[in-house]
């Protein structure tokens, strides 16, 4: 028995001595691997040294230890990491930008600024050999040309075509009215911000309105597109409808003129029978109400002045209970401020011509009498005065004795 135990002990010592200090497989490296020459070994003797490599697209950090050693059956701590490589800048894109990471396995996405459109693939991948594909471009958005406008003109673009952000201005010739927006802006979607306008000869004739409705705007025979007329009611009357009408594209005012109604009240029979004869109207005053030989109680007449005249008095008179209009009709006097510029210039030129003629006449007279030795114009005029029929004879008699004395000498 003792012999068996001794034999077992010797076998254990020999077995232990033969495998002492061996290491099993080295630890794994994330995103890395052992060099090829170490991959087939199952065990590693004490003192063996192995090295690692990073997988494609990864790299060791600057201070990493890429090798470890087997010491008496145990591997040294692995002090290395494999980090993704950087692909650097994916390339600059004019009028755009990109988002994403530039390390291995990452994706960069490109975008364009507002008003620009991307041309090309909108992303790049960071691969083992660098970035995939090409950098896309951002081209400016363009709007379609504005068709020619009859009786109008359109400003031209600063480039060959209308581009995002550009403003087109439209104007009409002569008295044509612009129907639509004057300024059009090319938007980021490639469309204009308003429909194309047009130029149209719009004239709305002066509208008819009830007698008891008063216009508070300037009178004109015709009105242009979008011009307005405002109305008011006499005190004690209520307006029904809109107090402002607008000249429309169709040459008509809308909405229709309002009406003024008086709240219901008891009216004497005598008042309802009152009639006022048509009043005398001064020159340059025009009645814009319907002309009638007589008017009923509370009926009104409205007046206006010709262009270039100003109204003095009230432009509206009312038939009263006494059968007379009050207040009296207004008068129209010339307005100096309303004289057209060309008339002012003409009057100025006429004044200058008159002054020049007067100066020429004076110069002619002065030259004539100076050449005849008559001194100046004043002395000439004095001599002519003394030589009139009443004083001529006395003057002659006074000169004769003086001549006789001279002859005696």
Protein backbone atom coordinates (compact mmCIF):
# COMPACT_ATOMS: atom_id res chain seq x y z
CA UNK A 1 0.00 0.00 0.00
CA UNK A 2 2.73 2.43 0.86
CA UNK A 3 4.32 1.66 -2.47
CA UNK A 4 1.15 2.65 -4.35
CA UNK A 5 0.92 5.96 -2.53
CA UNK A 6 4.56 6.73 -3.25
CA UNK A 7 4.08 5.97 -6.94
CA UNK A 8 1.03 8.27 -7.16
CA UNK A 9 2.89 11.08 -5.48
CA UNK A 10 5.83 10.78 -7.87
CA UNK A 11 3.46 10.76 -10.88
CA UNK A 12 1.76 13.93 -9.67
CA UNK A 13 5.08 15.69 -9.17
CA UNK A 14 6.26 14.70 -12.65
CA UNK A 15 2.97 15.76 -14.24
CA UNK A 16 3.07 19.06 -12.42
CA UNK A 17 6.66 19.70 -13.44
CA UNK A 18 5.96 18.92 -17.09
CA UNK A 19 3.02 21.51 -17.35
CA UNK A 20 4.25 24.16 -14.97
CA UNK A 21 3.81 27.88 -16.16
CA UNK A 22 1.70 27.24 -19.29
CA UNK A 23 -1.09 29.75 -20.27
CA UNK A 24 -4.29 29.05 -22.10
CA UNK A 25 -5.73 31.21 -24.92
CA UNK A 26 -4.95 34.96 -24.56
CA UNK A 27 -7.84 37.37 -23.78
CA UNK A 28 -9.95 38.73 -26.68
CA UNK A 29 -9.50 42.34 -27.88
CA UNK A 30 -12.72 44.15 -28.82
CA UNK A 31 -12.60 45.24 -32.48
CA UNK A 32 -9.19 43.49 -32.70
CA UNK A 33 -7.52 40.04 -32.94
CA UNK A 34 -4.26 38.10 -32.37
CA UNK A 35 -1.66 38.19 -35.03
CA UNK A 36 -2.01 35.24 -37.41
CA UNK A 37 1.03 33.34 -36.07
CA UNK A 38 -0.58 32.90 -32.64
CA UNK A 39 -4.02 31.81 -33.66
CA UNK A 40 -3.36 28.03 -33.93
CA UNK A 41 -1.87 27.53 -30.42
CA UNK A 42 -3.97 26.01 -27.67
CA UNK A 43 -1.50 26.70 -24.84
CA UNK A 44 1.38 29.08 -24.38
CA UNK A 45 4.50 28.39 -22.29
CA UNK A 46 5.45 30.74 -19.52
CA UNK A 47 7.40 33.64 -20.95
CA UNK A 48 5.58 33.52 -24.30
CA UNK A 49 4.63 36.88 -25.80
CA UNK A 50 1.71 37.53 -28.19
CA UNK A 51 0.75 40.63 -30.21
CA UNK A 52 -2.60 42.00 -31.38
CA UNK A 53 -3.96 43.72 -34.48
CA UNK A 54 -7.02 46.02 -34.85
CA UNK A 55 -9.78 45.07 -37.26
CA UNK A 56 -9.99 47.03 -40.56
CA UNK A 57 -11.36 50.53 -39.89
CA UNK A 58 -10.02 50.58 -36.33
CA UNK A 59 -6.73 51.72 -34.85
CA UNK A 60 -4.82 51.60 -31.56
CA UNK A 61 -4.66 54.61 -29.33
CA UNK A 62 -1.35 56.43 -29.03
CA UNK A 63 -0.12 54.90 -25.71
CA UNK A 64 -1.56 51.41 -26.07
CA UNK A 65 0.55 48.24 -25.41
CA UNK A 66 -0.12 45.92 -28.32
CA UNK A 67 1.55 42.84 -26.73
CA UNK A 68 1.13 40.77 -23.52
CA UNK A 69 3.31 38.03 -21.88
CA UNK A 70 2.43 34.71 -20.20
CA UNK A 71 3.88 34.71 -16.67
CA UNK A 72 3.65 31.36 -14.78
CA UNK A 73 0.30 30.40 -16.24
CA UNK A 74 -1.27 33.89 -16.26
CA UNK A 75 -1.43 36.58 -18.98
CA UNK A 76 -0.47 40.16 -18.29
CA UNK A 77 -3.39 42.64 -18.29
CA UNK A 78 -4.34 43.72 -21.81
CA UNK A 79 -3.83 47.50 -22.04
CA UNK A 80 -5.01 48.27 -25.57
CA UNK A 81 -8.22 49.39 -27.27
CA UNK A 82 -9.18 49.53 -30.93
CA UNK A 83 -11.07 52.77 -31.76
CA UNK A 84 -12.81 53.63 -35.05
CA UNK A 85 -10.63 55.51 -37.55
CA UNK A 86 -11.56 59.06 -38.64
CA UNK A 87 -12.29 59.80 -42.30
CA UNK A 88 -11.68 63.51 -41.81
CA UNK A 89 -13.85 66.16 -43.44
CA UNK A 90 -16.44 64.84 -45.91
CA UNK A 91 -16.03 67.98 -48.01
CA UNK A 92 -17.57 71.45 -47.87
CA UNK A 93 -20.87 72.13 -49.66
CA UNK A 94 -21.60 75.66 -50.84
CA UNK A 95 -24.97 77.04 -49.74
CA UNK A 96 -25.51 73.97 -47.56
CA UNK A 97 -24.28 71.98 -44.56
CA UNK A 98 -23.95 68.39 -43.29
CA UNK A 99 -24.71 66.46 -40.10
CA UNK A 100 -23.26 63.24 -38.69
CA UNK A 101 -20.01 61.68 -37.39
CA UNK A 102 -16.82 61.27 -39.44
CA UNK A 103 -15.58 58.02 -37.85
CA UNK A 104 -15.51 54.57 -39.44
CA UNK A 105 -18.99 53.14 -39.99
CA UNK A 106 -20.68 56.53 -39.63
CA UNK A 107 -22.92 58.33 -42.12
CA UNK A 108 -22.84 61.99 -43.08
CA UNK A 109 -26.08 63.57 -44.45
CA UNK A 110 -26.03 66.74 -46.56
CA UNK A 111 -28.65 69.52 -46.57
CA UNK A 112 -29.11 72.72 -48.59
CA UNK A 113 -30.00 76.15 -47.29
CA UNK A 114 -33.46 77.56 -47.96
CA UNK A 115 -33.88 78.49 -51.59
CA UNK A 116 -31.43 75.85 -52.84
CA UNK A 117 -31.96 72.30 -54.08
CA UNK A 118 -29.59 69.33 -53.63
CA UNK A 119 -28.07 67.77 -56.72
CA UNK A 120 -26.46 64.34 -56.18
CA UNK A 121 -26.60 61.73 -53.39
CA UNK A 122 -27.39 63.37 -50.06
CA UNK A 123 -25.03 61.20 -47.92
CA UNK A 124 -21.52 59.73 -47.67
CA UNK A 125 -20.27 56.73 -45.64
CA UNK A 126 -17.00 56.58 -43.72
CA UNK A 127 -15.47 53.31 -44.98
CA UNK A 128 -12.13 51.55 -44.58
CA UNK A 129 -10.60 53.46 -47.47
CA UNK A 130 -12.27 56.80 -46.64
CA UNK A 131 -15.47 58.49 -47.71
CA UNK A 132 -17.75 56.88 -50.24
CA UNK A 133 -19.22 58.75 -53.20
CA UNK A 134 -18.86 62.44 -54.04
CA UNK A 135 -19.83 65.68 -52.35
CA UNK A 136 -23.24 66.84 -53.70
CA UNK A 137 -23.97 70.44 -54.75
CA UNK A 138 -26.68 72.94 -53.84
CA UNK A 139 -28.15 74.84 -56.78
CA UNK A 140 -30.31 77.92 -56.36
CA UNK A 141 -34.05 77.52 -56.91
CA UNK A 142 -35.35 79.25 -60.05
CA UNK A 143 -38.80 80.65 -60.79
CA UNK A 144 -40.46 80.64 -64.23
CA UNK A 145 -40.34 83.76 -66.39
CA UNK A 146 -43.23 86.20 -65.99
CA UNK A 147 -45.22 86.42 -69.22
CA UNK A 148 -45.32 89.77 -71.00
CA UNK A 149 -47.92 92.14 -69.56
CA UNK A 150 -50.03 94.03 -72.08
CA UNK A 151 -49.86 97.81 -71.54
CA UNK A 152 -47.22 97.32 -68.85
CA UNK A 153 -43.61 96.40 -68.23
CA UNK A 154 -41.66 94.05 -65.95
CA UNK A 155 -38.23 94.70 -64.45
CA UNK A 156 -35.50 92.33 -65.62
CA UNK A 157 -33.52 89.95 -63.36
CA UNK A 158 -29.88 90.68 -62.52
CA UNK A 159 -28.94 87.21 -63.81
CA UNK A 160 -30.07 85.13 -66.78
CA UNK A 161 -33.13 83.87 -64.91
CA UNK A 162 -35.29 84.64 -61.90
CA UNK A 163 -33.72 83.08 -58.81
CA UNK A 164 -34.80 82.58 -55.22
CA UNK A 165 -35.26 85.86 -53.34
CA UNK A 166 -35.34 88.07 -56.44
CA UNK A 167 -38.10 90.69 -56.68
CA UNK A 168 -39.88 91.52 -59.94
CA UNK A 169 -41.58 94.91 -60.17
CA UNK A 170 -44.50 95.51 -62.50
CA UNK A 171 -45.69 98.92 -63.74
CA UNK A 172 -48.40 100.01 -66.18
CA UNK A 173 -48.22 102.49 -69.05
CA UNK A 174 -50.07 105.80 -68.92
CA UNK A 175 -53.43 105.73 -67.14
CA UNK A 176 -53.69 101.95 -67.06
CA UNK A 177 -54.36 100.54 -63.60
CA UNK A 178 -52.43 97.64 -62.10
CA UNK A 179 -54.72 94.76 -61.21
CA UNK A 180 -52.80 92.66 -58.68
CA UNK A 181 -49.56 93.06 -56.73
CA UNK A 182 -46.87 95.50 -57.89
CA UNK A 183 -44.00 93.37 -56.47
CA UNK A 184 -43.55 89.62 -56.99
CA UNK A 185 -41.02 87.58 -54.98
CA UNK A 186 -39.45 84.30 -56.13
CA UNK A 187 -39.99 81.85 -53.25
CA UNK A 188 -37.98 78.82 -52.11
CA UNK A 189 -40.45 76.41 -53.71
CA UNK A 190 -39.81 77.85 -57.18
CA UNK A 191 -43.14 79.70 -57.35
CA UNK A 192 -44.01 83.41 -57.29
CA UNK A 193 -45.67 84.61 -54.10
CA UNK A 194 -48.60 86.21 -55.98
CA UNK A 195 -50.48 85.58 -59.24
CA UNK A 196 -49.24 87.51 -62.24
CA UNK A 197 -50.86 91.00 -62.38
CA UNK A 198 -52.31 92.74 -65.42
CA UNK A 199 -52.75 96.32 -66.63
CA UNK A 200 -56.26 97.44 -67.42
CA UNK A 201 -57.93 100.74 -68.30
CA UNK A 202 -60.43 100.95 -65.44
CA UNK A 203 -62.74 103.97 -65.12
CA UNK A 204 -65.72 104.07 -62.82
CA UNK A 205 -68.21 106.87 -63.59
CA UNK A 206 -69.47 109.06 -60.78
CA UNK A 207 -72.24 107.05 -59.09
CA UNK A 208 -75.83 108.10 -58.44
CA UNK A 209 -76.86 108.22 -54.80
CA UNK A 210 -79.91 109.42 -52.84
CA UNK A 211 -80.38 113.15 -52.16
CA UNK A 212 -80.07 112.83 -48.40
CA UNK A 213 -76.70 111.04 -48.69
CA UNK A 214 -73.66 113.34 -48.64
CA UNK A 215 -70.34 112.58 -50.30
CA UNK A 216 -67.31 113.54 -48.20
CA UNK A 217 -64.69 112.61 -50.81
CA UNK A 218 -63.34 114.74 -53.66
CA UNK A 219 -65.65 114.80 -56.67
CA UNK A 220 -64.35 113.44 -59.96
CA UNK A 221 -66.18 112.65 -63.19
CA UNK A 222 -64.46 109.26 -63.25
CA UNK A 223 -62.42 107.25 -60.76
CA UNK A 224 -59.54 104.83 -61.19
CA UNK A 225 -59.24 101.26 -59.97
CA UNK A 226 -59.34 100.96 -56.16
CA UNK A 227 -60.23 104.63 -55.66
CA UNK A 228 -62.87 105.12 -52.98
CA UNK A 229 -65.80 107.42 -52.23
CA UNK A 230 -67.01 107.97 -48.66
CA UNK A 231 -70.48 109.11 -47.58
CA UNK A 232 -72.19 110.49 -44.52
CA UNK A 233 -75.74 111.17 -43.39
CA UNK A 234 -77.27 114.37 -42.10
CA UNK A 235 -77.60 114.67 -38.35
CA UNK A 236 -80.68 112.79 -37.28
CA UNK A 237 -80.45 110.28 -40.13
CA UNK A 238 -79.19 106.73 -39.99
CA UNK A 239 -77.06 105.09 -42.71
CA UNK A 240 -78.13 101.81 -44.23
CA UNK A 241 -75.38 100.10 -46.17
CA UNK A 242 -71.63 100.66 -46.41
CA UNK A 243 -70.35 104.22 -46.05
CA UNK A 244 -67.45 103.56 -48.44
CA UNK A 245 -67.58 102.25 -52.00
CA UNK A 246 -64.61 101.16 -54.13
CA UNK A 247 -64.01 101.31 -57.88
CA UNK A 248 -63.69 97.71 -59.06
CA UNK A 249 -61.93 96.01 -61.93
CA UNK A 250 -65.21 95.82 -63.87
CA UNK A 251 -65.57 99.64 -63.91
CA UNK A 252 -68.33 99.69 -61.30
CA UNK A 253 -68.40 100.76 -57.67
CA UNK A 254 -69.09 98.16 -55.03
CA UNK A 255 -70.97 97.86 -52.80
CA UNK A 256 -73.75 100.18 -53.96
CA UNK A 257 -74.00 103.62 -52.31
CA UNK A 258 -75.77 103.66 -48.94
CA UNK A 259 -79.08 105.25 -48.06
CA UNK A 260 -79.88 107.56 -45.16
CA UNK A 261 -83.19 107.10 -43.39
CA UNK A 262 -84.75 109.19 -40.69
CA UNK A 263 -86.10 107.42 -37.62
CA UNK A 264 -89.86 107.25 -37.70
CA UNK A 265 -91.50 110.26 -36.06
CA UNK A 266 -94.78 112.08 -36.17
CA UNK A 267 -94.78 114.65 -38.97
CA UNK A 268 -97.39 117.35 -39.19
CA UNK A 269 -99.64 117.37 -42.21
CA UNK A 270 -98.59 120.94 -42.93
CA UNK A 271 -94.93 119.95 -43.17
CA UNK A 272 -95.61 117.13 -45.61
CA UNK A 273 -97.35 119.60 -47.93
CA UNK A 274 -94.40 122.04 -48.02
CA UNK A 275 -92.62 122.50 -51.34
CA UNK A 276 -89.48 124.55 -52.01
CA UNK A 277 -88.85 126.02 -55.48
CA UNK A 278 -85.49 125.26 -57.11
CA UNK A 279 -82.92 127.77 -55.81
CA UNK A 280 -80.80 130.14 -57.88
CA UNK A 281 -77.33 128.72 -58.30
CA UNK A 282 -74.24 131.01 -58.64
CA UNK A 283 -71.82 130.62 -61.54
CA UNK A 284 -69.15 127.90 -61.28
CA UNK A 285 -71.41 125.96 -58.88
CA UNK A 286 -72.79 122.66 -60.17
CA UNK A 287 -75.67 120.72 -58.68
CA UNK A 288 -74.92 117.00 -58.34
CA UNK A 289 -78.43 116.10 -57.16
CA UNK A 290 -81.37 115.49 -59.47
CA UNK A 291 -82.75 118.76 -60.79
CA UNK A 292 -86.47 119.36 -60.14
CA UNK A 293 -88.68 122.45 -60.34
CA UNK A 294 -89.81 121.95 -56.72
CA UNK A 295 -88.62 119.91 -53.76
CA UNK A 296 -90.53 118.43 -50.84
CA UNK A 297 -89.91 119.04 -47.18
CA UNK A 298 -86.52 117.74 -45.96
CA UNK A 299 -85.30 117.01 -49.52
CA UNK A 300 -81.69 118.00 -50.08
CA UNK A 301 -79.60 119.39 -52.91
CA UNK A 302 -75.84 118.79 -53.11
CA UNK A 303 -73.33 120.94 -54.98
CA UNK A 304 -69.77 120.78 -56.23
CA UNK A 305 -67.24 123.20 -57.70
CA UNK A 306 -65.39 122.97 -60.98
CA UNK A 307 -61.79 121.85 -60.89
CA UNK A 308 -59.62 124.79 -59.84
CA UNK A 309 -62.31 126.34 -57.63
CA UNK A 310 -62.92 126.19 -53.89
CA UNK A 311 -66.30 126.02 -52.24
CA UNK A 312 -67.35 128.66 -49.74
CA UNK A 313 -70.38 127.67 -47.72
CA UNK A 314 -72.19 124.38 -47.21
CA UNK A 315 -72.29 121.92 -50.10
CA UNK A 316 -75.74 120.66 -49.04
CA UNK A 317 -78.99 122.62 -48.58
CA UNK A 318 -82.31 121.33 -47.18
CA UNK A 319 -85.91 122.26 -47.93
CA UNK A 320 -87.40 123.64 -44.71
CA UNK A 321 -90.88 124.04 -43.29
CA UNK A 322 -90.98 127.64 -44.51
CA UNK A 323 -90.71 126.55 -48.16
CA UNK A 324 -87.14 127.80 -48.48
CA UNK A 325 -83.78 126.08 -48.69
CA UNK A 326 -81.28 126.59 -45.92
CA UNK A 327 -78.48 127.40 -45.71
CA UNK A 328 -78.15 129.38 -48.96
CA UNK A 329 -76.35 127.73 -51.90
CA UNK A 330 -72.53 127.94 -51.71
CA UNK A 331 -70.21 129.90 -54.00
CA UNK A 332 -67.11 128.72 -55.87
CA UNK A 333 -64.01 130.92 -56.01
CA UNK A 334 -60.78 130.26 -57.94
CA UNK A 335 -58.14 128.34 -56.03
CA UNK A 336 -54.61 129.60 -56.65
CA UNK A 337 -53.16 126.35 -55.36
CA UNK A 338 -55.09 124.41 -57.96
CA UNK A 339 -53.65 126.30 -60.96
CA UNK A 340 -51.82 123.68 -63.04
CA UNK A 341 -48.06 123.91 -63.14
CA UNK A 342 -47.97 124.54 -66.89
CA UNK A 343 -50.25 127.57 -66.45
CA UNK A 344 -47.99 128.96 -63.72
CA UNK A 345 -44.99 128.55 -66.02
CA UNK A 346 -46.89 130.22 -68.89
CA UNK A 347 -47.88 133.18 -66.71
CA UNK A 348 -44.26 133.53 -65.57
CA UNK A 349 -42.98 133.54 -69.16
CA UNK A 350 -45.54 136.18 -70.17
CA UNK A 351 -44.46 138.41 -67.28
CA UNK A 352 -40.80 138.07 -68.34
CA UNK A 353 -41.70 138.96 -71.97
CA UNK A 354 -43.59 142.09 -70.84
CA UNK A 355 -40.64 143.25 -68.71
CA UNK A 356 -38.22 142.70 -71.62
CA UNK A 357 -40.46 144.73 -74.01
CA UNK A 358 -40.64 147.64 -71.52
CA UNK A 359 -36.85 147.64 -71.12
CA UNK A 360 -36.35 147.61 -74.91
CA UNK A 361 -38.70 150.60 -75.36
CA UNK A 362 -36.90 152.58 -72.65
CA UNK A 363 -33.53 151.74 -74.21
CA UNK A 364 -34.73 152.79 -77.65
CA UNK A 365 -35.98 156.15 -76.39
CA UNK A 366 -32.80 156.76 -74.46
CA UNK A 367 -30.63 156.03 -77.52
CA UNK A 368 -32.77 158.20 -79.80
CA UNK A 369 -32.69 161.34 -77.68
CA UNK A 370 -29.07 160.90 -76.66
CA UNK A 371 -27.96 160.84 -80.33
CA UNK A 372 -29.91 164.08 -81.05
CA UNK A 373 -28.00 165.93 -78.30
CA UNK A 374 -31.07 166.45 -76.24
CA UNK A 375 -29.46 165.42 -72.95
CA UNK A 376 -31.53 162.82 -71.32
CA UNK A 377 -35.11 161.70 -71.55
CA UNK A 378 -36.10 163.87 -68.59
CA UNK A 379 -34.81 167.08 -70.18
CA UNK A 380 -36.43 166.13 -73.45
CA UNK A 381 -39.73 165.65 -71.76
CA UNK A 382 -39.29 169.01 -69.97
CA UNK A 383 -38.50 170.79 -73.26
CA UNK A 384 -41.54 169.29 -74.89
CA UNK A 385 -43.64 170.48 -72.01
CA UNK A 386 -42.36 174.04 -72.30
CA UNK A 387 -42.94 174.04 -76.00
CA UNK A 388 -46.64 173.38 -75.82
CA UNK A 389 -49.08 175.82 -77.50
CA UNK A 390 -49.85 177.64 -74.30
CA UNK A 391 -46.26 178.42 -73.31
CA UNK A 392 -44.44 178.43 -76.66
CA UNK A 393 -45.07 182.09 -77.52
CA UNK A 394 -43.94 183.41 -74.17
CA UNK A 395 -40.79 181.40 -74.40
CA UNK A 396 -40.03 182.85 -77.85
CA UNK A 397 -40.55 186.42 -76.64
CA UNK A 398 -38.20 185.85 -73.75
CA UNK A 399 -35.42 184.61 -76.05
CA UNK A 400 -35.56 187.55 -78.55
CA UNK A 401 -34.12 190.30 -76.31
CA UNK A 402 -31.30 188.02 -75.38
CA UNK A 403 -30.50 187.48 -79.07
CA UNK A 404 -30.57 191.22 -79.75
CA UNK A 405 -28.14 191.89 -76.95
CA UNK A 406 -25.80 189.25 -78.31
CA UNK A 407 -25.99 190.86 -81.78
CA UNK A 408 -25.15 194.30 -80.40
CA UNK A 409 -22.09 192.93 -78.82
